[in-house]
């Protein structure tokens, strides 16, 4: 609650005016800004500047001062042509290449009549009109729109206490030990009282910009003034509304995701990752939601500066460290920069071999072994048929549990078949086995070595660290192990990934607890989903994911469901309909935390009801 002396009825406010800062050269936006002002870039069918003008008009603001610099004529022409109802004042900052926004704002204030409160907006922002409503409705004298700081943000951040901005930290003050944990990002959208602008902000801006430093942000001055009780700034904190600051081409992609909901699936499909940039709850990528633990992340954070400044170890050292974690013979291991590193090698080695792979599985197998025969997992594998046909192949690939279906085979049965079929190589992918009740075949191979088994594991899933790219390949055949090792680079792991490998020895019990929690959450989610009428079936899964066969027979239903979840709920799921020959609509959902799983369940109900 704001103090009552600040309260002012919205209806009693004087008309508002606005300042839009659009002078910057936008070096970080090059090459997109070489021939176009970044405010005139198109996002979702309209320009950034056009959205800003629409939002100003939305709250009745028609008196607008625009500060121009780079491509000034283009900016002015756009506003005059497309917004003739705007009472436009243009102020030109001829020194836009060498000065910062403190000069632009000071120049605007020097020519303005403060007969109305001022809304300040920077020209690289996209935001929902509702944010402008909240800015205007806030009863504070001076107001800043803020959002909780999260990955991908940069620029000025602030502290908030008792509803007010207390400290302002421009980007150049955020040093090595700076913590963003409790900080808020300024949207660079403010509302200022007219008397504050005229009597405090304008004179101090003018003095600082002209006599002290013309190459700083105006937030430097704002920070000084906000510490004075009479000038303090109320914090209006974003609560789910869309906004994006476009400083570089990456930001433009994020803005497109935010403001073009119909393209969200296209954007995510083209990225194959990098989802930290998007405001999405991702149930398509499978990872352990309970690992690494908080203490592990704290240890990584402390070590990160030193890790970034150093190389990782030689492959033999990495193999030794991995062997400590797996409790196996280090000479049978090759540590991988993610399991995907092995597939080109696999494709070259077995290019002319007779290979069989499971259907509805990880796509890299079909990509690198395009001539392989497929055996069905529909879901469910006919183990008797596979066992009978195994001698007819040079290589039998077993993904256990299988990536799309969760089908899990008994480890002992795979071992026994390999032992009984010595002329066939069994390629066993155990990337999700940690989430099942089965033991790794490595345990059996350590007791009774078989040279016709290769084990591949991506640790990204079970350790919850896909960003660090960590995995391994294991074989009792020294020639196979050496052949894969010969193709690895001299520095095969990043230092952070190697350090995590060291930490695993200290956090073994926590790792086991995280796997147990995941199994429990997965089973609870399956039980809950089976009660829903829109679900036809959910096979038992040994992975940290579930395959949902949908009751709607429409082959495109899974596509429409995924798009609806993204557009309306910011939730991503995996449409795997095309992986099955019967084309029944299916989606795959990874298990996250119990509360997030409940969010998914509620969103599925709402989305299905709409479709």
Foldseek 3Di string as FASTA:
>chain_A
DDDPVLADALVPADAEEEEEEQAAQLPQAPPVSVPHRQQQDDAPHGGLQVQVVVLCVVVPYQEYEYEYHVVRVVVVVVCCVPPVSHNYHYHYDPPNVPFDCLVSVLRVLVPDDLPHKYKYAYSQKHFDSVVVVLQSRDSGQKAFEKEQDAPPDAFKKFADDPQWTAAIDGRVNQDPPRDSRRIIDTSRIMIHHSCCSVPPLNVVSVCCCPPNGRHDDSVVSVRVQCNDVVGIYGYDYDDPTDMFGDSYVVSSLQSNVRNVLLCVVVSCVVPVDPCSSHPFAEFADFAQQCFDDPVLVVVLSVCVVVLVVDFDAFQLVLLVLLCVLVVFDSLQKTKFLALLVCLLVVLVVCVPWAEEEEFLADPSVCVSNVVYHYAYPLPDHPVVVCLVCQLVTQEYEAEALGHQAQDHDALVVVVVSCVVRLNHAYEYECQFQLLAPHDDNSVVCRVPNRQRYKYWYGPCHLNVNVVQRIIMIGGPNSVVSVSSVVPADRRRGRSSSSVVSVCCVVCVVSSNVSSVQLNVLQVVLQVVVVPDPQFDDWDDHSGQKIKTQTPDQPLCPLVQLQSLCCSPPSYHWAFSLVSHPVSGTIIMTGGHHNVVSVVVVVSSVVSVVVD
